[in-house]
Every structure is written in structure tokens, then in C-alpha cells.
């Protein structure tokens, strides 16, 4: 299964989730990206493309704003693949609290994929 994590800049949340699950689960393929060209450029990270959305079997975002941004550019096409983890942008990369929240909110993913 191809799983895509998306946040604003691909600096903290989505990158942590991608690297965490890539280490825990070798049966699936994980990627992450940011949804804001401005913040991705500033952080020198990866910007989400429509090809990435097509590639993904499942897409996990961290805020309602991320869903709205995807809808703005692609309409409702990818909505059935999206699940919102509802984790605010207040954590650092691989911060313990962020890792624990991701694991808690993705427990369904662990049961399904691991």
C-alpha cells in the first residue's frame, strides 16, 4: 500500500510520520510532502504534487486546512483517500509528544498495515 502524509511545510509532522512508519513497517511504502509552496520553499522540503496524490492509496493530513487546500486544487477527486489526524502544528521534528500522538492517531494504520 502507498501511504502519503501531508502537512503544511513537510518539516515536522508529515516528515516525522513518514520516517516513523517507514522504520516500523517495511510492507508498505511511505512518502510525505508539504502543501504550502511558500513554506516548503523556505524549509527546502518536498511539495505535494498531483502525481503523489494519485500514487497514494491513503492520504493522511494533520488539519482541516490541508483538506481544503487539496480540494482547492483538485476538487473532490482525492477526498475518499483522505483522513485527518487532527494534530496541530506545535511540535518539533520527532518530538516525543508528536511521535506519541501520531502513533495514537494512527493505531488503525498500525493494525491494518503492521
Protein backbone atom coordinates (compact mmCIF):
# COMPACT_ATOMS: atom_id res chain seq x y z
CA UNK A 1 0.00 0.00 0.00
CA UNK A 2 1.21 3.52 -0.78
CA UNK A 3 0.66 5.93 2.11
CA UNK A 4 1.16 9.70 1.91
CA UNK A 5 1.43 12.05 4.89
CA UNK A 6 0.79 15.74 4.19
CA UNK A 7 1.22 18.81 6.37
CA UNK A 8 1.97 22.47 5.67
CA UNK A 9 5.76 22.52 5.18
CA UNK A 10 6.84 18.85 5.36
CA UNK A 11 9.21 19.87 8.11
CA UNK A 12 7.77 18.46 11.35
CA UNK A 13 4.57 16.40 11.33
CA UNK A 14 4.41 14.67 7.95
CA UNK A 15 8.14 14.04 7.83
CA UNK A 16 8.07 12.53 11.31
CA UNK A 17 5.15 10.27 10.35
CA UNK A 18 6.82 9.14 7.13
CA UNK A 19 10.11 8.27 8.82
CA UNK A 20 8.43 6.65 11.82
CA UNK A 21 6.24 4.32 9.76
CA UNK A 22 8.99 3.63 7.22
CA UNK A 23 11.09 2.30 10.11
CA UNK A 24 8.22 0.30 11.66
CA UNK A 25 6.64 -1.14 8.53
CA UNK A 26 8.58 -2.49 5.55
CA UNK A 27 5.45 -3.95 3.89
CA UNK A 28 4.16 -0.56 2.73
CA UNK A 29 5.65 2.48 1.04
CA UNK A 30 5.51 5.87 2.77
CA UNK A 31 6.07 9.38 1.48
CA UNK A 32 5.46 12.83 2.87
CA UNK A 33 5.17 16.32 1.47
CA UNK A 34 4.04 19.83 2.25
CA UNK A 35 1.02 21.65 0.87
CA UNK A 36 2.30 25.24 1.03
CA UNK A 37 4.72 26.21 -1.74
CA UNK A 38 5.84 29.19 0.36
CA UNK A 39 6.70 27.17 3.48
CA UNK A 40 8.12 24.22 1.54
CA UNK A 41 10.49 26.59 -0.30
CA UNK A 42 11.51 28.21 2.98
CA UNK A 43 12.18 24.81 4.61
CA UNK A 44 13.72 23.32 1.44
CA UNK A 45 11.43 20.29 1.66
CA UNK A 46 9.15 18.42 -0.77
CA UNK A 47 5.99 19.98 -2.21
CA UNK A 48 2.99 17.75 -2.84
CA UNK A 49 2.13 17.11 -6.47
CA UNK A 50 -0.97 15.70 -8.07
CA UNK A 51 1.12 12.68 -9.07
CA UNK A 52 1.75 11.99 -5.38
CA UNK A 53 -1.98 12.16 -4.66
CA UNK A 54 -2.64 9.71 -7.49
CA UNK A 55 0.17 7.41 -6.26
CA UNK A 56 -1.24 7.22 -2.73
CA UNK A 57 -3.74 4.57 -1.70
CA UNK A 58 -4.30 6.52 1.52
CA UNK A 59 -3.57 10.14 2.41
CA UNK A 60 -3.20 11.36 5.97
CA UNK A 61 -3.32 15.09 6.70
CA UNK A 62 -2.97 16.90 10.01
CA UNK A 63 -5.54 19.73 9.82
CA UNK A 64 -8.84 20.63 8.12
CA UNK A 65 -6.93 23.36 6.27
CA UNK A 66 -4.94 20.65 4.48
CA UNK A 67 -8.10 19.03 3.14
CA UNK A 68 -9.36 22.42 1.95
CA UNK A 69 -6.08 23.11 0.17
CA UNK A 70 -6.25 19.76 -1.66
CA UNK A 71 -9.90 20.44 -2.62
CA UNK A 72 -8.98 23.90 -3.90
CA UNK A 73 -6.56 22.45 -6.45
CA UNK A 74 -8.07 19.04 -7.25
CA UNK A 75 -11.75 19.23 -6.34
CA UNK A 76 -13.29 16.22 -4.61
CA UNK A 77 -11.21 13.67 -6.53
CA UNK A 78 -8.97 12.60 -3.65
CA UNK A 79 -11.36 13.10 -0.71
CA UNK A 80 -12.19 9.38 -0.34
CA UNK A 81 -8.49 8.67 0.30
CA UNK A 82 -8.02 11.37 2.97
CA UNK A 83 -8.13 11.05 6.74
CA UNK A 84 -7.43 13.97 9.09
CA UNK A 85 -5.21 13.12 12.08
CA UNK A 86 -6.03 16.47 13.76
CA UNK A 87 -2.55 17.23 15.10
CA UNK A 88 -1.74 20.94 15.39
CA UNK A 89 1.50 22.45 14.15
CA UNK A 90 3.03 22.92 17.58
CA UNK A 91 5.65 20.18 17.69
CA UNK A 92 9.23 19.80 16.55
CA UNK A 93 10.52 17.11 14.22
CA UNK A 94 10.40 13.73 16.01
CA UNK A 95 9.44 15.38 19.31
CA UNK A 96 8.36 12.65 21.74
CA UNK A 97 4.84 14.09 22.14
CA UNK A 98 4.41 14.27 18.37
CA UNK A 99 5.55 10.67 17.91
CA UNK A 100 3.14 9.50 20.61
CA UNK A 101 0.24 11.44 19.07
CA UNK A 102 0.98 10.05 15.62
CA UNK A 103 1.12 6.51 16.98
CA UNK A 104 -2.13 7.03 18.89
CA UNK A 105 -3.99 8.61 15.96
CA UNK A 106 -2.58 6.04 13.52
CA UNK A 107 -3.32 2.99 15.66
CA UNK A 108 -5.80 1.94 12.97
CA UNK A 109 -2.97 2.20 10.45
CA UNK A 110 -0.70 0.03 12.58
CA UNK A 111 -3.41 -2.63 12.97
CA UNK A 112 -4.13 -2.55 9.27
CA UNK A 113 -0.56 -2.43 7.96
CA UNK A 114 1.81 -3.92 10.51
